[in-house]
Amino acid sequence: MIIKPSTVLRNEYNTISNLAKETKEPIYITKNGEGDLVLMSIDAFEKREQMLQLREKVLQAERERIDGAETISVSDARQRLRERLNDL
């Protein structure tokens, strides 16, 4: 976990920006010794958002399966994908 005071963000923006890009980790910014902000690179943020969206889709599919939605086997899914590819 990377923790920096807000003065570093204000005085050394380029250093913090480079650190976020290099580590691809969130940087926790404190103000008066208390947590205030989390800073991360756009690339890391977008990847995180994609992961969260994918997880939400998987959870939704699992909820639907539990609620009795029709499901198909892996082999049937592969066959349907092959058919779609052949139609392209």
Protein backbone atom coordinates (compact mmCIF):
# COMPACT_ATOMS: atom_id res chain seq x y z
CA MET A 1 0.00 0.00 0.00
CA ILE A 2 1.38 3.39 -1.01
CA ILE A 3 0.46 6.28 1.30
CA LYS A 4 1.53 9.88 0.68
CA PRO A 5 0.60 13.18 2.32
CA SER A 6 -1.36 15.72 0.27
CA THR A 7 1.65 18.06 0.23
CA VAL A 8 3.54 15.53 -1.92
CA LEU A 9 0.70 15.56 -4.44
CA ARG A 10 0.75 19.34 -4.51
CA ASN A 11 4.54 19.76 -4.58
CA GLU A 12 5.65 16.67 -6.51
CA TYR A 13 2.81 15.92 -8.93
CA ASN A 14 5.08 14.42 -11.61
CA THR A 15 6.67 12.06 -9.09
CA ILE A 16 3.28 10.84 -7.87
CA SER A 17 2.00 10.54 -11.44
CA ASN A 18 4.99 8.44 -12.45
CA LEU A 19 4.66 6.29 -9.32
CA ALA A 20 1.00 5.56 -10.10
CA LYS A 21 1.84 4.61 -13.69
CA GLU A 22 4.84 2.45 -12.77
CA THR A 23 3.24 0.54 -9.89
CA LYS A 24 -0.28 0.35 -11.39
CA GLU A 25 -1.44 0.51 -7.77
CA PRO A 26 -3.68 3.04 -6.04
CA ILE A 27 -1.92 5.71 -4.01
CA TYR A 28 -3.64 6.76 -0.81
CA ILE A 29 -3.42 10.49 -0.12
CA THR A 30 -3.72 11.74 3.45
CA LYS A 31 -4.68 15.18 4.71
CA ASN A 32 -3.75 16.12 8.27
CA GLY A 33 -2.90 12.47 8.94
CA GLU A 34 -6.32 11.17 7.86
CA GLY A 35 -7.25 9.33 4.66
CA ASP A 36 -8.57 11.77 2.05
CA LEU A 37 -8.22 10.51 -1.55
CA VAL A 38 -7.14 7.56 -3.65
CA LEU A 39 -5.20 8.30 -6.83
CA MET A 40 -4.48 5.86 -9.65
CA SER A 41 -3.44 5.94 -13.29
CA ILE A 42 -6.17 6.01 -15.92
CA ASP A 43 -4.95 2.67 -17.28
CA ALA A 44 -5.21 1.00 -13.85
CA PHE A 45 -8.62 2.60 -13.27
CA GLU A 46 -10.00 1.42 -16.62
CA LYS A 47 -8.74 -2.14 -16.04
CA ARG A 48 -10.34 -2.11 -12.59
CA GLU A 49 -13.63 -0.90 -14.04
CA GLN A 50 -13.58 -3.63 -16.71
CA MET A 51 -12.95 -6.26 -14.05
CA LEU A 52 -15.81 -4.97 -11.92
CA GLN A 53 -18.18 -4.94 -14.90
CA LEU A 54 -17.21 -8.50 -15.80
CA ARG A 55 -17.76 -9.65 -12.21
CA GLU A 56 -21.18 -8.02 -12.22
CA LYS A 57 -22.12 -9.86 -15.42
CA VAL A 58 -20.95 -13.17 -13.94
CA LEU A 59 -22.93 -12.54 -10.75
CA GLN A 60 -26.03 -11.64 -12.77
CA ALA A 61 -25.70 -14.82 -14.82
CA GLU A 62 -25.31 -16.86 -11.63
CA ARG A 63 -28.40 -15.22 -10.11
CA GLU A 64 -30.37 -16.06 -13.25
CA ARG A 65 -29.13 -19.67 -13.18
CA ILE A 66 -30.12 -20.05 -9.53
CA ASP A 67 -33.53 -18.56 -10.31
CA GLY A 68 -34.07 -21.28 -12.93
CA ALA A 69 -33.02 -19.61 -16.17
CA GLU A 70 -32.34 -22.00 -19.05
CA THR A 71 -28.69 -23.01 -19.31
CA ILE A 72 -26.62 -24.77 -21.97
CA SER A 73 -23.64 -27.08 -21.76
CA VAL A 74 -20.11 -25.97 -22.59
CA SER A 75 -20.11 -28.14 -25.72
CA ASP A 76 -23.37 -26.56 -26.92
CA ALA A 77 -21.95 -23.09 -26.27
CA ARG A 78 -18.84 -23.92 -28.30
CA GLN A 79 -20.98 -25.22 -31.13
CA ARG A 80 -23.08 -22.04 -31.17
CA LEU A 81 -19.90 -19.93 -31.24
CA ARG A 82 -18.52 -21.97 -34.15
CA GLU A 83 -21.78 -21.47 -36.05
CA ARG A 84 -21.63 -17.72 -35.48
CA LEU A 85 -18.03 -17.61 -36.69
CA ASN A 86 -18.95 -19.53 -39.81
CA ASP A 87 -21.76 -17.05 -40.52
CA LEU A 88 -19.29 -14.13 -40.54
